[in-house]
Amino acid sequence: MPHYVTFLLDLAGSGENRAIAETVRTAPDPEARPKTAFVWKVVCDAAGHVVVSALEKKKLVVIGTARWAGTELTSLKQRAPGTPTGYQWNLVEKALLAEQAKRFLDVPDHAGPTEDIEAIERQLVARERDWTEGEVAESENKPVRETDQPAYRAQRRKRLVRAFASLGGTLAAIGVLTALSMSRKPEAKAPAPAPPPPSPVVADPPPPPPAPPPPTPAQTPEERVTTATTLDEAIALAKPAMSDSDDEVSPGAALLARYARMQWSDVSVQAETSLPLVLKDPEVERGKRLCVDGEIERIERRDLDKRKLFVGRLHTAEGDAVEFVAVGTTGQLVKRSKSKFCGVVIGRARGAAKLVGMFDLPENQSPLVEQ
Protein backbone atom coordinates (compact mmCIF):
# COMPACT_ATOMS: atom_id res chain seq x y z
CA MET A 1 0.00 0.00 0.00
CA PRO A 2 1.50 3.38 -0.97
CA HIS A 3 1.79 6.31 1.40
CA TYR A 4 1.06 9.96 0.69
CA VAL A 5 4.15 11.81 -0.48
CA THR A 6 4.71 15.01 -2.47
CA PHE A 7 7.88 16.75 -3.66
CA LEU A 8 9.43 18.96 -6.33
CA LEU A 9 11.42 17.12 -9.03
CA ASP A 10 14.56 18.71 -10.55
CA LEU A 11 14.61 17.53 -14.18
CA ALA A 12 18.09 18.96 -14.77
CA GLY A 13 19.56 17.55 -11.54
CA SER A 14 21.80 14.51 -11.14
CA GLY A 15 21.60 11.08 -9.52
CA GLU A 16 18.91 8.38 -9.46
CA ASN A 17 16.53 10.27 -7.12
CA ARG A 18 16.00 13.85 -8.31
CA ALA A 19 13.38 14.72 -5.69
CA ILE A 20 14.51 17.98 -4.01
CA ALA A 21 15.04 16.78 -0.42
CA GLU A 22 13.87 19.93 1.34
CA THR A 23 10.53 19.86 -0.54
CA VAL A 24 9.53 16.26 0.38
CA ARG A 25 6.30 16.24 2.46
CA THR A 26 4.00 13.50 3.81
CA ALA A 27 0.89 15.68 3.66
CA PRO A 28 -0.58 18.05 1.03
CA ASP A 29 1.64 21.11 0.52
CA PRO A 30 -0.19 23.68 -1.64
CA GLU A 31 2.57 26.26 -0.95
CA ALA A 32 5.19 24.19 -2.80
CA ARG A 33 5.32 25.49 -6.37
CA PRO A 34 8.05 25.16 -9.03
CA LYS A 35 9.87 28.40 -9.84
CA THR A 36 11.08 27.33 -13.29
CA ALA A 37 9.88 25.09 -16.12
CA PHE A 38 12.71 22.66 -15.28
CA VAL A 39 11.16 21.72 -11.93
CA TRP A 40 7.90 19.69 -11.69
CA LYS A 41 5.60 18.99 -8.76
CA VAL A 42 4.78 15.31 -8.05
CA VAL A 43 2.01 14.05 -5.74
CA CYS A 44 1.30 10.38 -4.88
CA ASP A 45 -1.66 9.87 -2.54
CA ALA A 46 -2.54 6.93 -0.27
CA ALA A 47 -4.60 5.30 -3.05
CA GLY A 48 -1.67 5.38 -5.47
CA HIS A 49 -2.99 8.28 -7.57
CA VAL A 50 0.00 10.10 -9.07
CA VAL A 51 -0.33 13.70 -10.36
CA VAL A 52 2.50 15.52 -12.19
CA SER A 53 2.23 19.32 -12.62
CA ALA A 54 4.44 21.90 -14.36
CA LEU A 55 4.57 25.65 -14.93
CA GLU A 56 2.93 26.85 -18.13
CA LYS A 57 2.72 30.61 -18.61
CA LYS A 58 3.33 31.08 -14.85
CA LYS A 59 0.43 28.75 -13.94
CA LEU A 60 0.72 25.29 -12.37
CA VAL A 61 -0.93 22.87 -14.83
CA VAL A 62 -1.41 19.09 -14.57
CA ILE A 63 0.57 17.53 -17.45
CA GLY A 64 0.18 13.86 -16.53
CA THR A 65 -1.34 11.28 -14.17
CA ALA A 66 -0.60 7.63 -13.37
CA ARG A 67 -1.12 4.88 -10.79
CA TRP A 68 1.62 3.68 -8.40
CA ALA A 69 1.69 -0.12 -8.55
CA GLY A 70 4.13 -1.10 -5.80
CA THR A 71 7.40 -0.33 -7.58
CA GLU A 72 6.43 1.26 -10.92
CA LEU A 73 3.98 3.56 -12.70
CA THR A 74 0.96 2.21 -14.61
CA SER A 75 -2.15 3.67 -16.33
CA LEU A 76 -0.18 6.64 -17.71
CA LYS A 77 -2.09 9.62 -19.06
CA GLN A 78 -0.79 13.00 -20.24
CA ARG A 79 -2.01 16.27 -21.68
CA ALA A 80 0.38 16.47 -24.67
CA PRO A 81 1.79 13.49 -26.66
CA GLY A 82 5.43 14.52 -26.12
CA THR A 83 5.28 15.78 -22.52
CA PRO A 84 6.25 14.04 -20.30
CA THR A 85 8.69 12.06 -22.42
CA GLY A 86 9.58 8.47 -21.54
CA TYR A 87 12.84 9.77 -20.04
CA GLN A 88 10.91 12.23 -17.83
CA TRP A 89 8.38 9.58 -16.71
CA ASN A 90 11.37 7.42 -15.75
CA LEU A 91 12.73 10.25 -13.52
CA VAL A 92 9.31 10.52 -11.79
CA GLU A 93 9.21 6.75 -11.24
CA LYS A 94 12.72 6.54 -9.75
CA ALA A 95 12.06 9.44 -7.36
CA LEU A 96 8.73 7.91 -6.21
CA LEU A 97 10.37 4.50 -5.64
CA ALA A 98 13.02 6.09 -3.41
CA GLU A 99 10.59 8.27 -1.43
CA GLN A 100 8.01 5.47 -0.96
CA ALA A 101 10.81 3.26 0.41
CA LYS A 102 11.67 5.97 2.95
CA ARG A 103 8.00 6.27 3.99
CA PHE A 104 7.81 2.48 4.47
CA LEU A 105 10.83 2.51 6.75
CA ASP A 106 9.30 5.37 8.77
CA VAL A 107 6.25 3.12 9.51
CA PRO A 108 3.66 5.95 9.72
CA ASP A 109 0.45 5.55 11.69
CA HIS A 110 -1.61 6.01 8.53
CA ALA A 111 -0.91 6.13 4.82
CA GLY A 112 -2.29 9.66 4.40
CA PRO A 113 -5.07 11.32 2.37
CA THR A 114 -6.30 10.57 -1.13
CA GLU A 115 -7.11 12.93 -3.97
CA ASP A 116 -9.91 13.00 -6.55
CA ILE A 117 -8.16 13.00 -9.94
CA GLU A 118 -10.89 11.44 -12.11
CA ALA A 119 -12.06 14.87 -13.34
CA ILE A 120 -8.50 15.78 -14.31
CA GLU A 121 -7.93 12.49 -16.16
CA ARG A 122 -10.95 13.03 -18.40
CA GLN A 123 -8.93 15.83 -20.07
CA LEU A 124 -5.81 13.69 -20.62
CA VAL A 125 -4.79 11.11 -23.22
CA ALA A 126 -3.67 7.58 -22.31
CA ARG A 127 -0.02 6.68 -22.92
CA GLU A 128 1.59 3.27 -23.16
CA ARG A 129 4.54 2.50 -20.89
CA ASP A 130 6.77 2.36 -23.98
CA TRP A 131 10.19 3.21 -22.57
CA THR A 132 12.86 0.79 -21.43
CA GLU A 133 15.99 1.18 -19.34
CA GLY A 134 18.02 0.84 -22.54
CA GLU A 135 16.24 3.79 -24.18
CA VAL A 136 16.69 5.87 -21.03
CA ALA A 137 20.40 5.11 -20.92
CA GLU A 138 20.71 6.02 -24.62
CA SER A 139 18.91 9.35 -24.05
CA GLU A 140 21.49 10.15 -21.36
CA ASN A 141 24.39 9.13 -23.68
CA LYS A 142 25.35 6.35 -21.23
CA PRO A 143 26.11 2.66 -21.96
CA VAL A 144 23.47 0.19 -20.79
CA ARG A 145 24.85 -1.75 -17.85
CA GLU A 146 23.78 -5.24 -16.74
CA THR A 147 22.12 -3.69 -13.69
CA ASP A 148 19.98 -1.49 -16.01
CA GLN A 149 18.39 -4.45 -17.82
CA PRO A 150 14.61 -4.91 -17.21
CA ALA A 151 15.03 -8.47 -15.85
CA TYR A 152 17.64 -7.38 -13.32
CA ARG A 153 15.50 -4.39 -12.34
CA ALA A 154 12.44 -6.62 -11.78
CA GLN A 155 14.46 -8.94 -9.52
CA ARG A 156 15.81 -5.96 -7.60
CA ARG A 157 12.27 -4.68 -7.01
CA LYS A 158 11.13 -8.08 -5.72
CA ARG A 159 14.07 -8.18 -3.30
CA LEU A 160 13.20 -4.64 -2.17
CA VAL A 161 9.57 -5.60 -1.46
CA ARG A 162 10.66 -8.72 0.47
CA ALA A 163 13.15 -6.65 2.47
CA PHE A 164 10.45 -4.13 3.38
CA ALA A 165 8.12 -6.96 4.50
CA SER A 166 10.86 -8.55 6.60
CA LEU A 167 11.74 -5.21 8.13
CA GLY A 168 8.07 -4.60 8.97
CA GLY A 169 7.92 -7.95 10.82
CA THR A 170 11.12 -7.20 12.72
CA LEU A 171 9.81 -3.80 13.82
CA ALA A 172 6.55 -5.42 15.01
CA ALA A 173 8.47 -8.01 17.06
CA ILE A 174 10.57 -5.28 18.66
CA GLY A 175 7.37 -3.45 19.60
CA VAL A 176 5.93 -6.59 21.31
CA LEU A 177 9.14 -7.22 23.28
CA THR A 178 9.25 -3.61 24.38
CA ALA A 179 5.63 -3.75 25.61
CA LEU A 180 6.29 -6.97 27.57
CA SER A 181 9.38 -5.54 29.24
CA MET A 182 7.47 -2.42 30.28
CA SER A 183 4.61 -4.52 31.76
CA ARG A 184 6.87 -6.38 34.27
CA LYS A 185 6.91 -5.07 37.81
CA PRO A 186 10.31 -3.81 38.92
CA GLU A 187 11.98 -5.78 41.74
CA ALA A 188 12.21 -4.04 45.11
CA LYS A 189 15.69 -2.78 45.88
CA ALA A 190 17.21 -1.34 49.03
CA PRO A 191 17.45 2.45 48.86
CA ALA A 192 20.93 3.62 47.97
CA PRO A 193 22.67 5.83 50.50
CA ALA A 194 22.49 9.52 49.74
CA PRO A 195 25.73 10.80 48.18
CA PRO A 196 27.65 13.50 50.01
CA PRO A 197 27.00 17.06 48.79
CA PRO A 198 29.46 18.06 46.07
CA SER A 199 32.00 20.71 46.74
CA PRO A 200 31.21 23.95 44.98
CA VAL A 201 33.41 24.39 41.91
CA VAL A 202 33.46 27.57 39.89
CA ALA A 203 34.48 26.87 36.29
CA ASP A 204 34.89 29.20 33.38
CA PRO A 205 32.04 28.91 30.84
CA PRO A 206 33.02 26.98 27.68
CA PRO A 207 33.79 29.13 24.63
CA PRO A 208 30.93 29.45 22.13
CA PRO A 209 31.18 27.10 19.12
CA PRO A 210 32.40 28.69 15.88
CA ALA A 211 29.69 29.94 13.55
CA PRO A 212 29.02 27.54 10.64
CA PRO A 213 30.06 28.80 7.21
CA PRO A 214 27.22 30.20 5.09
CA PRO A 215 25.69 27.54 2.78
CA THR A 216 26.71 27.67 -0.86
CA PRO A 217 23.57 28.23 -2.98
CA ALA A 218 22.91 25.44 -5.49
CA GLN A 219 23.26 26.41 -9.13
CA THR A 220 20.10 26.60 -11.21
CA PRO A 221 19.89 24.70 -14.53
CA GLU A 222 20.25 28.05 -16.34
CA GLU A 223 23.47 28.83 -14.44
CA ARG A 224 24.88 25.37 -15.13
CA VAL A 225 24.23 25.67 -18.88
CA THR A 226 25.69 29.19 -18.95
CA THR A 227 28.93 27.97 -17.35
CA ALA A 228 29.19 24.75 -19.41
CA THR A 229 32.57 24.35 -21.12
CA THR A 230 31.39 22.46 -24.24
CA LEU A 231 28.24 22.22 -26.35
CA ASP A 232 27.96 18.50 -25.52
CA GLU A 233 27.87 19.38 -21.81
CA ALA A 234 25.21 22.06 -22.42
CA ILE A 235 23.10 19.59 -24.47
CA ALA A 236 23.26 17.01 -21.66
CA LEU A 237 22.08 19.63 -19.12
CA ALA A 238 19.27 20.95 -21.35
CA LYS A 239 18.02 17.61 -22.72
CA PRO A 240 15.67 16.76 -19.78
CA ALA A 241 13.78 20.02 -20.47
CA MET A 242 13.44 19.41 -24.24
CA SER A 243 9.93 18.54 -25.44
CA ASP A 244 7.48 19.18 -28.27
CA SER A 245 6.05 22.67 -27.82
CA ASP A 246 4.42 25.35 -29.99
CA ASP A 247 6.09 28.12 -27.95
CA GLU A 248 8.47 30.27 -30.02
CA VAL A 249 11.19 29.66 -27.43
CA SER A 250 10.24 26.50 -25.53
CA PRO A 251 11.83 25.75 -22.11
CA GLY A 252 14.35 23.33 -23.61
CA ALA A 253 15.25 25.77 -26.42
CA ALA A 254 15.62 28.65 -23.95
CA LEU A 255 17.90 26.56 -21.72
CA LEU A 256 20.22 25.54 -24.57
CA ALA A 257 20.23 29.08 -26.03
CA ARG A 258 21.84 30.30 -22.78
CA TYR A 259 25.03 28.49 -23.77
CA ALA A 260 27.01 31.54 -24.96
CA ARG A 261 30.09 29.67 -26.26
CA MET A 262 28.34 28.07 -29.24
CA GLN A 263 30.46 28.19 -32.40
CA TRP A 264 29.73 27.33 -36.02
CA SER A 265 32.16 24.39 -35.78
CA ASP A 266 30.07 22.97 -32.89
CA VAL A 267 26.93 22.57 -35.02
CA SER A 268 28.18 22.26 -38.62
CA VAL A 269 29.38 18.70 -38.11
CA GLN A 270 28.25 15.61 -40.00
CA ALA A 271 24.48 15.24 -39.61
CA GLU A 272 23.49 12.93 -36.74
CA THR A 273 19.84 12.63 -37.83
CA SER A 274 17.41 13.74 -40.59
CA LEU A 275 14.16 15.72 -40.85
CA PRO A 276 12.04 12.58 -41.58
CA LEU A 277 13.45 10.88 -38.45
CA VAL A 278 12.77 13.96 -36.30
CA LEU A 279 9.18 14.20 -37.55
CA LYS A 280 8.67 10.45 -37.03
CA ASP A 281 9.92 10.21 -33.41
CA PRO A 282 11.35 13.48 -32.00
CA GLU A 283 11.89 11.99 -28.53
CA VAL A 284 14.65 9.69 -29.85
CA GLU A 285 16.31 12.45 -31.96
CA ARG A 286 16.44 15.22 -29.33
CA GLY A 287 19.94 16.59 -28.74
CA LYS A 288 21.29 15.46 -32.13
CA ARG A 289 22.83 17.87 -34.67
CA LEU A 290 21.30 18.58 -38.09
CA CYS A 291 21.91 21.03 -40.98
CA VAL A 292 19.22 22.19 -43.46
CA ASP A 293 19.17 24.49 -46.51
CA GLY A 294 16.07 26.51 -47.22
CA GLU A 295 14.25 29.78 -47.80
CA ILE A 296 13.29 31.86 -44.77
CA GLU A 297 9.53 32.30 -44.41
CA ARG A 298 9.67 34.35 -41.18
CA ILE A 299 12.40 35.76 -38.93
CA GLU A 300 11.90 37.98 -35.85
CA ARG A 301 14.02 39.14 -32.93
CA ARG A 302 13.41 38.00 -29.36
CA ASP A 303 15.42 38.81 -26.19
CA LEU A 304 16.54 36.24 -23.61
CA ASP A 305 18.33 37.61 -20.52
CA LYS A 306 19.43 40.74 -22.46
CA ARG A 307 20.76 38.54 -25.28
CA LYS A 308 19.37 38.76 -28.80
CA LEU A 309 17.84 35.67 -30.39
CA PHE A 310 16.08 35.33 -33.72
CA VAL A 311 13.13 32.98 -34.13
CA GLY A 312 11.40 31.98 -37.31
CA ARG A 313 10.59 29.33 -39.89
CA LEU A 314 12.17 28.21 -43.17
CA HIS A 315 11.20 25.77 -45.93
CA THR A 316 13.51 23.31 -47.66
CA ALA A 317 13.50 22.53 -51.37
CA GLU A 318 11.77 19.22 -50.53
CA GLY A 319 8.87 21.12 -48.92
CA ASP A 320 9.71 20.41 -45.28
CA ALA A 321 9.26 23.15 -42.67
CA VAL A 322 11.84 23.88 -39.95
CA GLU A 323 11.33 26.17 -36.97
CA PHE A 324 14.57 27.73 -35.66
CA VAL A 325 15.97 29.65 -32.70
CA ALA A 326 19.13 31.36 -33.99
CA VAL A 327 22.00 32.53 -31.77
CA GLY A 328 25.05 34.39 -33.03
CA THR A 329 24.38 36.84 -35.87
CA THR A 330 21.85 36.75 -38.71
CA GLY A 331 23.52 39.49 -40.79
CA GLN A 332 21.26 40.74 -43.60
CA LEU A 333 19.02 37.64 -43.66
CA VAL A 334 15.33 38.53 -44.02
CA LYS A 335 12.12 36.97 -45.30
CA ARG A 336 12.69 35.07 -48.60
CA SER A 337 16.48 34.94 -48.03
CA LYS A 338 18.09 31.56 -48.72
CA SER A 339 20.64 30.19 -46.27
CA LYS A 340 21.95 27.12 -44.45
CA PHE A 341 21.05 26.58 -40.79
CA CYS A 342 22.81 24.09 -38.47
CA GLY A 343 21.70 23.34 -34.94
CA VAL A 344 20.55 20.94 -32.24
CA VAL A 345 17.17 19.16 -32.45
CA ILE A 346 14.77 20.22 -29.65
CA GLY A 347 11.62 18.44 -30.88
CA ARG A 348 8.57 19.34 -32.98
CA ALA A 349 6.64 22.62 -33.16
CA ARG A 350 3.51 23.18 -35.25
CA GLY A 351 4.21 20.13 -37.42
CA ALA A 352 7.84 21.09 -38.08
CA ALA A 353 11.22 20.11 -36.65
CA LYS A 354 12.61 22.68 -34.17
CA LEU A 355 16.35 23.49 -33.95
CA VAL A 356 18.57 25.78 -31.87
CA GLY A 357 21.72 26.84 -33.72
CA MET A 358 23.30 29.27 -36.23
CA PHE A 359 23.07 30.43 -39.83
CA ASP A 360 25.96 29.80 -42.24
CA LEU A 361 27.45 33.31 -42.27
CA PRO A 362 31.12 34.44 -42.23
CA GLU A 363 30.55 36.33 -38.98
CA ASN A 364 29.36 33.14 -37.24
CA GLN A 365 32.47 31.23 -38.28
CA SER A 366 34.68 33.40 -36.08
CA PRO A 367 35.40 31.97 -32.60
CA LEU A 368 32.92 32.81 -29.80
CA VAL A 369 30.41 34.82 -31.79
CA GLU A 370 28.19 36.83 -29.44
CA GLN A 371 25.67 39.55 -30.23
Foldseek 3Di string as FASTA:
>chain_A
DFFKKKFKAQLLDDDLARGDVVGIDRADDVPDDDPDQRIWIWIQHLQQKIWIWGDDPNDTDTAWIFGDDQQFTHFIWGQDPWPPHLLVSSNVSSNSNVVRLVVLLVVDPDRYDDDDCPVVRVNTGTDDNPDALCLNCVLLVHHQDPCRHPVNVVVVSVVSVVVSVVSVVVVVVVVVVVVVVVPDDDDDDDDDDDDDDDDDDDDDDDDDDDDDDDDDDDDGLLRCLCPDPALLSQQSSLQSQFTEDQDQQGSSNLSSLSPQQDAPVRFPDPFPDDFVVQLVPVNSQFFTKDKAKFFWQAWDWDDRPNFIWIWGWTAHPVGAIETEIAFFDPPPRGHRDIWMWMFGFRGHHPSHTYGYGHTPDPQRNDGRGGD
